[in-house]
């Protein structure tokens, strides 16, 4: 196992990806300690996996939109965690949660178009639900302060 943090805490991906500690890039900041950050990273990966199976004619439409929303979720969590103001932090988490909702809505359309019939969506569905719940908790926690 690879230890990705000096605190000897193993993140979800250290158990799955060899040399994962290299994936934490350069900065060791607070957002990396949040459970939601790991879950949103998983959401991004699952969205990229799913969109590889969508029709090529959706390359500049649905594929791009789902990937951008997934990445937006992850990046807004990171940026929100770095904010000192509780109001600002909450706003970034709200934007991240809206992006999760956007992914879910896009998948509704993809399903209606018949794009998802043969795909296994359990991992992505779980990631969407987990991220939505965790973000809702962070938003509520920042509202009570």
N, C-alpha and C. Protein backbone atom coordinates (compact mmCIF):
# COMPACT_ATOMS: atom_id res chain seq x y z
N UNK A 1 0.83 -1.18 0.00
CA UNK A 1 0.00 0.00 0.00
C UNK A 1 0.87 1.24 0.00
N UNK A 2 0.38 2.27 -0.64
CA UNK A 2 1.09 3.53 -0.70
C UNK A 2 0.42 4.50 0.24
N UNK A 3 1.22 5.16 1.04
CA UNK A 3 0.70 6.14 1.97
C UNK A 3 0.68 7.50 1.30
N UNK A 4 -0.52 8.07 1.09
CA UNK A 4 -0.61 9.32 0.34
C UNK A 4 -0.53 10.54 1.22
N UNK A 5 -0.57 10.39 2.52
CA UNK A 5 -0.53 11.54 3.41
C UNK A 5 0.43 11.26 4.56
N UNK A 6 0.99 12.31 5.07
CA UNK A 6 1.93 12.16 6.18
C UNK A 6 1.24 11.66 7.44
N UNK A 7 -0.08 11.76 7.49
CA UNK A 7 -0.84 11.33 8.66
C UNK A 7 -1.06 9.82 8.70
N UNK A 8 -0.50 9.12 7.74
CA UNK A 8 -0.63 7.67 7.64
C UNK A 8 -2.07 7.22 7.44
N UNK A 9 -2.83 8.06 6.77
CA UNK A 9 -4.21 7.72 6.42
C UNK A 9 -4.21 7.34 4.95
N UNK A 10 -4.83 6.24 4.61
CA UNK A 10 -4.85 5.77 3.24
C UNK A 10 -6.15 6.18 2.57
N UNK A 11 -6.02 6.86 1.46
CA UNK A 11 -7.23 7.26 0.75
C UNK A 11 -7.71 6.09 -0.12
N UNK A 12 -8.92 6.21 -0.60
CA UNK A 12 -9.57 5.16 -1.38
C UNK A 12 -8.72 4.75 -2.58
N UNK A 13 -8.09 5.70 -3.24
CA UNK A 13 -7.36 5.40 -4.46
C UNK A 13 -6.00 4.79 -4.20
N UNK A 14 -5.43 5.01 -3.00
CA UNK A 14 -4.15 4.38 -2.69
C UNK A 14 -4.29 2.86 -2.68
N UNK A 15 -5.49 2.41 -2.40
CA UNK A 15 -5.72 0.97 -2.37
C UNK A 15 -5.92 0.41 -3.77
N UNK A 16 -6.21 1.27 -4.75
CA UNK A 16 -6.54 0.82 -6.09
C UNK A 16 -5.50 1.17 -7.15
N UNK A 17 -4.81 2.27 -6.97
CA UNK A 17 -3.92 2.78 -8.02
C UNK A 17 -2.47 2.74 -7.52
N UNK A 18 -1.60 2.01 -8.19
CA UNK A 18 -0.20 1.98 -7.79
C UNK A 18 0.42 3.38 -7.82
N UNK A 19 1.23 3.68 -6.84
CA UNK A 19 1.92 4.97 -6.74
C UNK A 19 0.97 6.16 -6.76
N UNK A 20 -0.19 5.97 -6.13
CA UNK A 20 -1.21 7.03 -6.13
C UNK A 20 -0.69 8.32 -5.51
N UNK A 21 0.25 8.24 -4.59
CA UNK A 21 0.72 9.46 -3.94
C UNK A 21 1.23 10.47 -4.96
N UNK A 22 1.63 10.01 -6.11
CA UNK A 22 2.08 10.91 -7.16
C UNK A 22 0.91 11.70 -7.74
N UNK A 23 -0.30 11.21 -7.56
CA UNK A 23 -1.47 11.87 -8.11
C UNK A 23 -1.95 13.03 -7.26
N UNK A 24 -1.38 13.23 -6.09
CA UNK A 24 -1.78 14.37 -5.26
C UNK A 24 -1.10 15.65 -5.69
N UNK A 25 -0.34 15.58 -6.72
CA UNK A 25 0.36 16.71 -7.32
C UNK A 25 1.28 17.37 -6.30
N UNK A 26 1.21 18.67 -6.16
CA UNK A 26 2.25 19.39 -5.46
C UNK A 26 1.86 19.89 -4.08
N UNK A 27 0.64 20.36 -3.92
CA UNK A 27 0.21 20.97 -2.67
C UNK A 27 -0.49 19.97 -1.77
N UNK A 28 -0.28 20.10 -0.51
CA UNK A 28 -1.01 19.31 0.49
C UNK A 28 -1.91 20.30 1.24
N UNK A 29 -3.17 20.37 0.81
CA UNK A 29 -4.08 21.35 1.37
C UNK A 29 -5.29 20.68 2.01
N UNK A 30 -6.09 21.49 2.71
CA UNK A 30 -7.22 20.97 3.48
C UNK A 30 -8.25 20.21 2.66
N UNK A 31 -8.48 20.61 1.42
CA UNK A 31 -9.51 19.94 0.63
C UNK A 31 -9.22 18.46 0.44
N UNK A 32 -7.93 18.08 0.45
CA UNK A 32 -7.55 16.68 0.26
C UNK A 32 -7.91 15.83 1.47
N UNK A 33 -8.19 16.46 2.59
CA UNK A 33 -8.56 15.73 3.80
C UNK A 33 -10.06 15.49 3.89
N UNK A 34 -10.82 16.14 3.03
CA UNK A 34 -12.28 15.99 3.06
C UNK A 34 -12.71 14.70 2.37
N UNK A 35 -13.64 13.98 2.98
CA UNK A 35 -14.19 12.78 2.35
C UNK A 35 -14.80 13.10 0.99
N UNK A 36 -15.47 14.25 0.89
CA UNK A 36 -16.12 14.61 -0.36
C UNK A 36 -15.12 14.75 -1.49
N UNK A 37 -13.91 15.14 -1.20
CA UNK A 37 -12.90 15.31 -2.24
C UNK A 37 -12.57 13.96 -2.89
N UNK A 38 -12.43 12.94 -2.07
CA UNK A 38 -12.18 11.60 -2.59
C UNK A 38 -13.38 11.10 -3.38
N UNK A 39 -14.58 11.34 -2.86
CA UNK A 39 -15.80 10.90 -3.55
C UNK A 39 -15.99 11.64 -4.87
N UNK A 40 -15.68 12.92 -4.89
CA UNK A 40 -15.85 13.67 -6.14
C UNK A 40 -14.81 13.26 -7.18
N UNK A 41 -13.63 12.87 -6.72
CA UNK A 41 -12.62 12.35 -7.64
C UNK A 41 -13.12 11.06 -8.28
N UNK A 42 -13.74 10.23 -7.48
CA UNK A 42 -14.34 8.99 -7.99
C UNK A 42 -15.46 9.30 -8.98
N UNK A 43 -16.26 10.31 -8.69
CA UNK A 43 -17.32 10.73 -9.60
C UNK A 43 -16.75 11.13 -10.95
N UNK A 44 -15.67 11.90 -10.95
CA UNK A 44 -15.04 12.33 -12.20
C UNK A 44 -14.59 11.11 -13.01
N UNK A 45 -13.92 10.18 -12.34
CA UNK A 45 -13.45 8.98 -13.03
C UNK A 45 -14.60 8.17 -13.62
N UNK A 46 -15.67 8.01 -12.87
CA UNK A 46 -16.83 7.25 -13.35
C UNK A 46 -17.51 7.95 -14.53
N UNK A 47 -17.57 9.28 -14.49
CA UNK A 47 -18.16 10.02 -15.61
C UNK A 47 -17.32 9.86 -16.87
N UNK A 48 -16.01 9.91 -16.72
CA UNK A 48 -15.14 9.73 -17.88
C UNK A 48 -15.29 8.31 -18.45
N UNK A 49 -15.39 7.33 -17.57
CA UNK A 49 -15.58 5.94 -18.04
C UNK A 49 -16.89 5.81 -18.80
N UNK A 50 -17.95 6.35 -18.25
CA UNK A 50 -19.27 6.24 -18.88
C UNK A 50 -19.28 6.95 -20.23
N UNK A 51 -18.73 8.15 -20.29
CA UNK A 51 -18.83 8.92 -21.53
C UNK A 51 -18.01 8.31 -22.67
N UNK A 52 -17.10 7.42 -22.36
CA UNK A 52 -16.38 6.70 -23.43
C UNK A 52 -17.33 5.80 -24.22
N UNK A 53 -18.47 5.46 -23.63
CA UNK A 53 -19.42 4.56 -24.26
C UNK A 53 -20.58 5.27 -24.96
N UNK A 54 -20.60 6.60 -24.87
CA UNK A 54 -21.65 7.34 -25.55
C UNK A 54 -21.30 7.48 -27.03
N UNK A 55 -22.30 7.68 -27.87
CA UNK A 55 -22.05 7.79 -29.32
C UNK A 55 -21.10 8.95 -29.66
N UNK A 56 -20.29 8.74 -30.66
CA UNK A 56 -19.30 9.74 -31.07
C UNK A 56 -19.96 11.06 -31.45
N UNK A 57 -21.19 11.03 -31.95
CA UNK A 57 -21.85 12.28 -32.32
C UNK A 57 -22.16 13.16 -31.11
N UNK A 58 -22.03 12.60 -29.91
CA UNK A 58 -22.23 13.37 -28.67
C UNK A 58 -20.92 13.95 -28.12
N UNK A 59 -19.83 13.80 -28.89
CA UNK A 59 -18.52 14.25 -28.41
C UNK A 59 -18.51 15.71 -27.98
N UNK A 60 -19.15 16.59 -28.76
CA UNK A 60 -19.14 18.00 -28.44
C UNK A 60 -20.44 18.45 -27.77
N UNK A 61 -21.25 17.51 -27.37
CA UNK A 61 -22.49 17.81 -26.68
C UNK A 61 -22.50 17.18 -25.31
N UNK A 62 -23.17 16.07 -25.22
CA UNK A 62 -23.38 15.42 -23.93
C UNK A 62 -22.08 14.97 -23.26
N UNK A 63 -21.17 14.41 -24.02
CA UNK A 63 -19.91 13.91 -23.44
C UNK A 63 -19.15 15.06 -22.78
N UNK A 64 -18.99 16.13 -23.52
CA UNK A 64 -18.27 17.29 -22.99
C UNK A 64 -18.98 17.87 -21.77
N UNK A 65 -20.28 17.96 -21.84
CA UNK A 65 -21.05 18.57 -20.75
C UNK A 65 -20.96 17.74 -19.47
N UNK A 66 -21.09 16.43 -19.58
CA UNK A 66 -21.00 15.57 -18.40
C UNK A 66 -19.61 15.65 -17.79
N UNK A 67 -18.59 15.61 -18.63
CA UNK A 67 -17.21 15.68 -18.12
C UNK A 67 -16.93 17.02 -17.46
N UNK A 68 -17.39 18.10 -18.08
CA UNK A 68 -17.17 19.42 -17.50
C UNK A 68 -17.90 19.56 -16.16
N UNK A 69 -19.11 19.04 -16.07
CA UNK A 69 -19.86 19.13 -14.81
C UNK A 69 -19.18 18.31 -13.71
N UNK A 70 -18.66 17.14 -14.07
CA UNK A 70 -17.97 16.30 -13.09
C UNK A 70 -16.70 17.00 -12.60
N UNK A 71 -15.93 17.52 -13.52
CA UNK A 71 -14.71 18.23 -13.14
C UNK A 71 -15.03 19.49 -12.34
N UNK A 72 -16.08 20.18 -12.72
CA UNK A 72 -16.53 21.36 -11.99
C UNK A 72 -16.87 21.02 -10.54
N UNK A 73 -17.52 19.89 -10.34
CA UNK A 73 -17.84 19.44 -8.99
C UNK A 73 -16.57 19.33 -8.17
N UNK A 74 -15.61 18.60 -8.69
CA UNK A 74 -14.35 18.35 -7.99
C UNK A 74 -13.59 19.65 -7.72
N UNK A 75 -13.50 20.51 -8.71
CA UNK A 75 -12.73 21.74 -8.57
C UNK A 75 -13.40 22.75 -7.64
N UNK A 76 -14.71 22.82 -7.65
CA UNK A 76 -15.41 23.73 -6.74
C UNK A 76 -15.30 23.27 -5.29
N UNK A 77 -15.22 21.98 -5.07
CA UNK A 77 -14.99 21.48 -3.71
C UNK A 77 -13.61 21.93 -3.23
N UNK A 78 -12.61 21.76 -4.09
CA UNK A 78 -11.25 22.18 -3.73
C UNK A 78 -11.19 23.67 -3.46
N UNK A 79 -11.78 24.46 -4.35
CA UNK A 79 -11.73 25.91 -4.18
C UNK A 79 -12.54 26.35 -2.96
N UNK A 80 -13.69 25.75 -2.76
CA UNK A 80 -14.51 26.11 -1.60
C UNK A 80 -13.82 25.82 -0.28
N UNK A 81 -13.13 24.71 -0.21
CA UNK A 81 -12.43 24.34 1.03
C UNK A 81 -11.33 25.33 1.38
N UNK A 82 -10.82 26.04 0.39
CA UNK A 82 -9.73 26.98 0.64
C UNK A 82 -10.23 28.35 1.09
N UNK A 83 -11.53 28.57 1.04
CA UNK A 83 -12.09 29.87 1.39
C UNK A 83 -12.20 30.03 2.90
N UNK A 84 -11.87 31.21 3.37
CA UNK A 84 -11.94 31.50 4.81
C UNK A 84 -13.37 31.81 5.24
N UNK A 85 -14.10 32.46 4.39
CA UNK A 85 -15.47 32.87 4.70
C UNK A 85 -16.42 31.68 4.58
N UNK A 86 -17.24 31.48 5.59
CA UNK A 86 -18.23 30.40 5.55
C UNK A 86 -19.24 30.62 4.43
N UNK A 87 -19.58 31.86 4.16
CA UNK A 87 -20.53 32.18 3.08
C UNK A 87 -19.93 31.79 1.72
N UNK A 88 -18.67 32.14 1.51
CA UNK A 88 -18.01 31.78 0.25
C UNK A 88 -17.88 30.27 0.11
N UNK A 89 -17.48 29.62 1.20
CA UNK A 89 -17.31 28.16 1.18
C UNK A 89 -18.63 27.49 0.81
N UNK A 90 -19.69 27.93 1.46
CA UNK A 90 -21.02 27.37 1.18
C UNK A 90 -21.40 27.56 -0.28
N UNK A 91 -21.10 28.73 -0.83
CA UNK A 91 -21.46 29.01 -2.23
C UNK A 91 -20.74 28.06 -3.19
N UNK A 92 -19.46 27.80 -2.96
CA UNK A 92 -18.73 26.87 -3.82
C UNK A 92 -19.30 25.46 -3.70
N UNK A 93 -19.67 25.07 -2.49
CA UNK A 93 -20.28 23.74 -2.30
C UNK A 93 -21.64 23.66 -2.99
N UNK A 94 -22.38 24.78 -2.98
CA UNK A 94 -23.67 24.80 -3.69
C UNK A 94 -23.46 24.65 -5.20
N UNK A 95 -22.45 25.31 -5.73
CA UNK A 95 -22.14 25.20 -7.16
C UNK A 95 -21.75 23.76 -7.49
N UNK A 96 -20.94 23.15 -6.62
CA UNK A 96 -20.53 21.76 -6.83
C UNK A 96 -21.75 20.84 -6.83
N UNK A 97 -22.66 21.05 -5.88
CA UNK A 97 -23.87 20.22 -5.82
C UNK A 97 -24.74 20.42 -7.06
N UNK A 98 -24.81 21.64 -7.55
CA UNK A 98 -25.57 21.91 -8.78
C UNK A 98 -24.97 21.16 -9.96
N UNK A 99 -23.66 21.04 -9.99
CA UNK A 99 -23.00 20.28 -11.06
C UNK A 99 -23.33 18.80 -10.97
N UNK A 100 -23.45 18.28 -9.76
CA UNK A 100 -23.86 16.88 -9.58
C UNK A 100 -25.28 16.69 -10.13
N UNK A 101 -26.15 17.64 -9.85
CA UNK A 101 -27.52 17.60 -10.36
C UNK A 101 -27.51 17.66 -11.89
N UNK A 102 -26.62 18.46 -12.45
CA UNK A 102 -26.50 18.57 -13.91
C UNK A 102 -26.11 17.24 -14.53
N UNK A 103 -25.19 16.53 -13.91
CA UNK A 103 -24.79 15.20 -14.41
C UNK A 103 -25.98 14.26 -14.39
N UNK A 104 -26.72 14.27 -13.30
CA UNK A 104 -27.89 13.39 -13.17
C UNK A 104 -28.92 13.71 -14.25
N UNK A 105 -29.15 14.99 -14.50
CA UNK A 105 -30.12 15.40 -15.53
C UNK A 105 -29.66 14.97 -16.92
N UNK A 106 -28.36 15.10 -17.19
CA UNK A 106 -27.83 14.68 -18.49
C UNK A 106 -27.99 13.17 -18.67
N UNK A 107 -27.82 12.43 -17.59
CA UNK A 107 -27.98 10.97 -17.67
C UNK A 107 -29.44 10.59 -17.93
N UNK A 108 -30.37 11.39 -17.41
CA UNK A 108 -31.79 11.16 -17.72
C UNK A 108 -32.03 11.25 -19.22
N UNK A 109 -31.47 12.26 -19.84
CA UNK A 109 -31.63 12.43 -21.29
C UNK A 109 -30.94 11.29 -22.04
N UNK A 110 -29.72 10.94 -21.60
CA UNK A 110 -28.99 9.84 -22.24
C UNK A 110 -29.79 8.55 -22.16
N UNK A 111 -30.44 8.33 -21.02
CA UNK A 111 -31.28 7.12 -20.87
C UNK A 111 -32.46 7.18 -21.83
N UNK A 112 -33.11 8.33 -21.90
CA UNK A 112 -34.27 8.49 -22.79
C UNK A 112 -33.89 8.33 -24.26
N UNK A 113 -32.66 8.65 -24.60
CA UNK A 113 -32.18 8.48 -25.98
C UNK A 113 -31.71 7.05 -26.25
N UNK A 114 -31.70 6.21 -25.22
CA UNK A 114 -31.30 4.81 -25.38
C UNK A 114 -29.79 4.59 -25.33
N UNK A 115 -29.04 5.59 -24.87
CA UNK A 115 -27.59 5.47 -24.83
C UNK A 115 -27.08 4.60 -23.68
N UNK A 116 -27.90 4.42 -22.65
CA UNK A 116 -27.41 3.76 -21.43
C UNK A 116 -27.95 2.36 -21.22
N UNK A 117 -28.67 1.84 -22.20
CA UNK A 117 -29.36 0.56 -22.04
C UNK A 117 -28.45 -0.58 -21.61
N UNK A 118 -27.26 -0.67 -22.18
CA UNK A 118 -26.40 -1.83 -21.92
C UNK A 118 -25.25 -1.51 -20.97
N UNK A 119 -25.26 -0.33 -20.40
CA UNK A 119 -24.16 0.08 -19.51
C UNK A 119 -24.51 -0.21 -18.06
N UNK A 120 -23.51 -0.56 -17.30
CA UNK A 120 -23.67 -0.76 -15.86
C UNK A 120 -23.43 0.58 -15.19
N UNK A 121 -24.44 1.09 -14.54
CA UNK A 121 -24.39 2.44 -13.99
C UNK A 121 -24.32 2.48 -12.47
N UNK A 122 -24.21 1.35 -11.82
CA UNK A 122 -24.27 1.32 -10.36
C UNK A 122 -23.17 2.17 -9.71
N UNK A 123 -21.93 2.05 -10.18
CA UNK A 123 -20.82 2.81 -9.57
C UNK A 123 -21.03 4.31 -9.76
N UNK A 124 -21.47 4.72 -10.94
CA UNK A 124 -21.72 6.14 -11.18
C UNK A 124 -22.91 6.62 -10.36
N UNK A 125 -23.96 5.83 -10.31
CA UNK A 125 -25.13 6.20 -9.50
C UNK A 125 -24.77 6.37 -8.04
N UNK A 126 -23.98 5.45 -7.52
CA UNK A 126 -23.53 5.55 -6.13
C UNK A 126 -22.69 6.81 -5.91
N UNK A 127 -21.82 7.12 -6.87
CA UNK A 127 -20.97 8.31 -6.76
C UNK A 127 -21.81 9.59 -6.76
N UNK A 128 -22.83 9.62 -7.61
CA UNK A 128 -23.71 10.79 -7.66
C UNK A 128 -24.44 10.97 -6.33
N UNK A 129 -25.01 9.90 -5.83
CA UNK A 129 -25.75 9.96 -4.56
C UNK A 129 -24.82 10.36 -3.41
N UNK A 130 -23.65 9.73 -3.33
CA UNK A 130 -22.71 10.04 -2.25
C UNK A 130 -22.28 11.50 -2.29
N UNK A 131 -21.93 11.98 -3.46
CA UNK A 131 -21.49 13.38 -3.58
C UNK A 131 -22.62 14.34 -3.22
N UNK A 132 -23.82 14.05 -3.69
CA UNK A 132 -24.95 14.93 -3.39
C UNK A 132 -25.20 14.98 -1.88
N UNK A 133 -25.20 13.83 -1.23
CA UNK A 133 -25.44 13.79 0.22
C UNK A 133 -24.33 14.49 1.00
N UNK A 134 -23.09 14.23 0.65
CA UNK A 134 -21.98 14.86 1.37
C UNK A 134 -21.96 16.37 1.16
N UNK A 135 -22.24 16.81 -0.05
CA UNK A 135 -22.28 18.24 -0.31
C UNK A 135 -23.43 18.91 0.43
N UNK A 136 -24.57 18.25 0.48
CA UNK A 136 -25.71 18.78 1.22
C UNK A 136 -25.33 18.94 2.69
N UNK A 137 -24.63 17.96 3.24
CA UNK A 137 -24.17 18.04 4.63
C UNK A 137 -23.21 19.20 4.84
N UNK A 138 -22.29 19.40 3.91
CA UNK A 138 -21.35 20.52 4.03
C UNK A 138 -22.07 21.87 3.92
N UNK A 139 -23.03 21.95 3.03
CA UNK A 139 -23.80 23.19 2.86
C UNK A 139 -24.58 23.50 4.14
N UNK A 140 -25.23 22.49 4.69
CA UNK A 140 -26.00 22.69 5.92
C UNK A 140 -25.08 23.04 7.08
N UNK A 141 -23.92 22.40 7.16
CA UNK A 141 -22.97 22.70 8.24
C UNK A 141 -22.47 24.14 8.15
N UNK A 142 -22.26 24.63 6.93
CA UNK A 142 -21.80 26.01 6.75
C UNK A 142 -22.92 27.01 6.92
N UNK A 143 -24.18 26.57 6.88
CA UNK A 143 -25.32 27.45 7.08
C UNK A 143 -25.58 27.69 8.55
N UNK A 144 -25.22 26.74 9.39
CA UNK A 144 -25.51 26.81 10.84
C UNK A 144 -24.48 27.60 11.60
N UNK A 145 -23.37 27.88 10.98
CA UNK A 145 -22.30 28.59 11.70
C UNK A 145 -22.57 30.07 11.77
